[in-house]
Amino acid sequence: MGILVQNLDHVGVQVANLKRSIAFYQEMLGLKLQSQEDLSTRGLKKAMLVAGSGIVELLEYVDEPVPNSDGPIAHMAFRVSDIDNAWAQLKKAGVKLVDEVPRQLEGGMKIAFLRGPDNELIELVQF
């Protein structure tokens, strides 16, 4: 048996121009801008837009080619209630893990990345 996913948290989409993409998703699709961050010191600008009960995360890489991607969908993120337990189960099952252990972020959030069977990038998120 696999881990228990609570829901799809967000989908990350790599874009060439964040400002243009925000305008498109707001004006053409009616999404609402939730937050926007300039993380240029880490080579990234990002925006989170609300799409119903989900989030679209727009990612503009500013200094280098887009990392870990064969297309514009950067990753899928699934919310879990206990990321450490989920990670242990995935490791035991032999899943290809990108991160050795989940990372603690500001605000108490924890994340970790793994690869799916077709090498797709998947993120687990715990709030």
Protein backbone atom coordinates (compact mmCIF):
# COMPACT_ATOMS: atom_id res chain seq x y z
CA MET A 1 0.00 0.00 0.00
CA GLY A 2 1.26 3.49 -0.83
CA ILE A 3 1.25 6.70 1.16
CA LEU A 4 -1.99 8.62 1.77
CA VAL A 5 -2.25 11.79 -0.33
CA GLN A 6 -4.73 14.34 1.03
CA ASN A 7 -5.13 16.28 -2.23
CA LEU A 8 -3.34 17.90 -5.16
CA ASP A 9 -1.71 20.99 -3.67
CA HIS A 10 -0.35 22.77 -6.75
CA VAL A 11 1.08 22.39 -10.24
CA GLY A 12 4.30 24.24 -11.06
CA VAL A 13 4.55 25.66 -14.58
CA GLN A 14 7.81 27.05 -15.96
CA VAL A 15 7.32 30.30 -17.88
CA ALA A 16 9.60 32.57 -19.91
CA ASN A 17 8.09 35.85 -18.67
CA LEU A 18 6.35 35.90 -15.28
CA LYS A 19 4.60 39.24 -15.77
CA ARG A 20 3.15 38.17 -19.12
CA SER A 21 2.05 34.80 -17.72
CA ILE A 22 0.37 36.34 -14.66
CA ALA A 23 -1.60 38.65 -16.96
CA PHE A 24 -2.65 35.72 -19.16
CA TYR A 25 -3.83 33.51 -16.29
CA GLN A 26 -5.69 36.42 -14.66
CA GLU A 27 -7.22 38.03 -17.72
CA MET A 28 -7.85 35.00 -19.92
CA LEU A 29 -8.64 32.31 -17.33
CA GLY A 30 -9.87 34.36 -14.37
CA LEU A 31 -7.34 33.06 -11.84
CA LYS A 32 -6.66 35.23 -8.80
CA LEU A 33 -3.12 36.23 -7.81
CA GLN A 34 -2.45 34.88 -4.31
CA SER A 35 1.22 35.83 -3.95
CA GLN A 36 4.26 36.85 -5.91
CA GLU A 37 7.92 36.59 -4.90
CA ASP A 38 11.15 37.83 -6.44
CA LEU A 39 13.75 35.28 -5.44
CA SER A 40 16.32 36.53 -7.97
CA THR A 41 19.11 35.89 -5.50
CA ARG A 42 18.20 32.21 -5.94
CA GLY A 43 17.65 32.59 -9.69
CA LEU A 44 13.87 32.48 -9.55
CA LYS A 45 10.73 34.61 -9.66
CA LYS A 46 7.43 32.97 -8.81
CA ALA A 47 3.73 33.62 -8.47
CA MET A 48 0.91 31.57 -6.97
CA LEU A 49 -2.53 31.87 -8.60
CA VAL A 50 -5.74 30.38 -7.22
CA ALA A 51 -7.58 28.03 -9.58
CA GLY A 52 -10.70 26.89 -7.73
CA SER A 53 -9.45 24.75 -4.86
CA GLY A 54 -5.98 24.34 -6.39
CA ILE A 55 -2.96 26.51 -7.06
CA VAL A 56 -0.98 27.16 -10.23
CA GLU A 57 2.62 28.09 -9.38
CA LEU A 58 4.31 30.06 -12.18
CA LEU A 59 8.12 29.79 -12.16
CA GLU A 60 10.47 32.06 -14.12
CA TYR A 61 14.13 31.02 -13.92
CA VAL A 62 16.12 34.22 -14.45
CA ASP A 63 19.80 33.29 -14.66
CA GLU A 64 20.07 29.83 -16.11
CA PRO A 65 18.22 27.27 -18.19
CA VAL A 66 15.22 25.65 -16.61
CA PRO A 67 16.37 22.87 -14.25
CA ASN A 68 15.05 19.28 -14.22
CA SER A 69 12.53 19.66 -17.00
CA ASP A 70 11.60 18.23 -20.34
CA GLY A 71 8.69 20.65 -20.74
CA PRO A 72 6.74 23.47 -19.14
CA ILE A 73 5.18 21.45 -16.29
CA ALA A 74 7.86 21.74 -13.62
CA HIS A 75 6.28 19.45 -11.04
CA MET A 76 3.11 18.25 -9.34
CA ALA A 77 2.78 18.73 -5.59
CA PHE A 78 0.69 16.53 -3.33
CA ARG A 79 -0.21 17.45 0.24
CA VAL A 80 0.43 14.84 2.93
CA SER A 81 -0.18 14.93 6.68
CA ASP A 82 3.10 13.25 7.74
CA ILE A 83 5.89 13.80 5.22
CA ASP A 84 8.54 12.02 7.30
CA ASN A 85 6.48 8.83 7.48
CA ALA A 86 5.56 9.10 3.80
CA TRP A 87 9.25 9.56 2.92
CA ALA A 88 10.26 6.49 4.92
CA GLN A 89 7.62 4.40 3.11
CA LEU A 90 8.73 5.66 -0.31
CA LYS A 91 12.40 5.02 0.48
CA LYS A 92 11.60 1.48 1.69
CA ALA A 93 9.67 0.86 -1.54
CA GLY A 94 12.69 1.84 -3.63
CA VAL A 95 11.19 4.99 -5.14
CA LYS A 96 13.77 7.34 -6.72
CA LEU A 97 14.11 10.18 -4.19
CA VAL A 98 15.57 13.52 -5.24
CA ASP A 99 15.98 14.76 -1.66
CA GLU A 100 17.70 12.60 0.95
CA VAL A 101 15.25 13.85 3.60
CA PRO A 102 12.35 16.36 3.63
CA ARG A 103 13.43 20.01 3.86
CA GLN A 104 12.06 22.38 6.52
CA LEU A 105 11.04 25.75 5.05
CA GLU A 106 10.01 29.04 6.65
CA GLY A 107 6.61 29.03 8.28
CA GLY A 108 6.77 25.37 9.27
CA MET A 109 6.22 23.92 5.80
CA LYS A 110 8.18 20.80 4.80
CA ILE A 111 8.81 19.67 1.22
CA ALA A 112 10.60 16.85 -0.56
CA PHE A 113 10.93 15.80 -4.19
CA LEU A 114 10.85 12.39 -5.84
CA ARG A 115 10.66 11.00 -9.37
CA GLY A 116 7.72 9.12 -10.83
CA PRO A 117 8.01 6.06 -13.07
CA ASP A 118 8.52 8.21 -16.19
CA ASN A 119 11.01 10.48 -14.36
CA GLU A 120 8.35 13.13 -13.73
CA LEU A 121 9.13 15.41 -10.79
CA ILE A 122 6.73 15.09 -7.84
CA GLU A 123 6.76 17.20 -4.69
CA LEU A 124 5.29 16.21 -1.34
CA VAL A 125 4.18 19.11 0.88
CA GLN A 126 3.27 19.17 4.57
CA PHE A 127 1.90 22.30 6.24
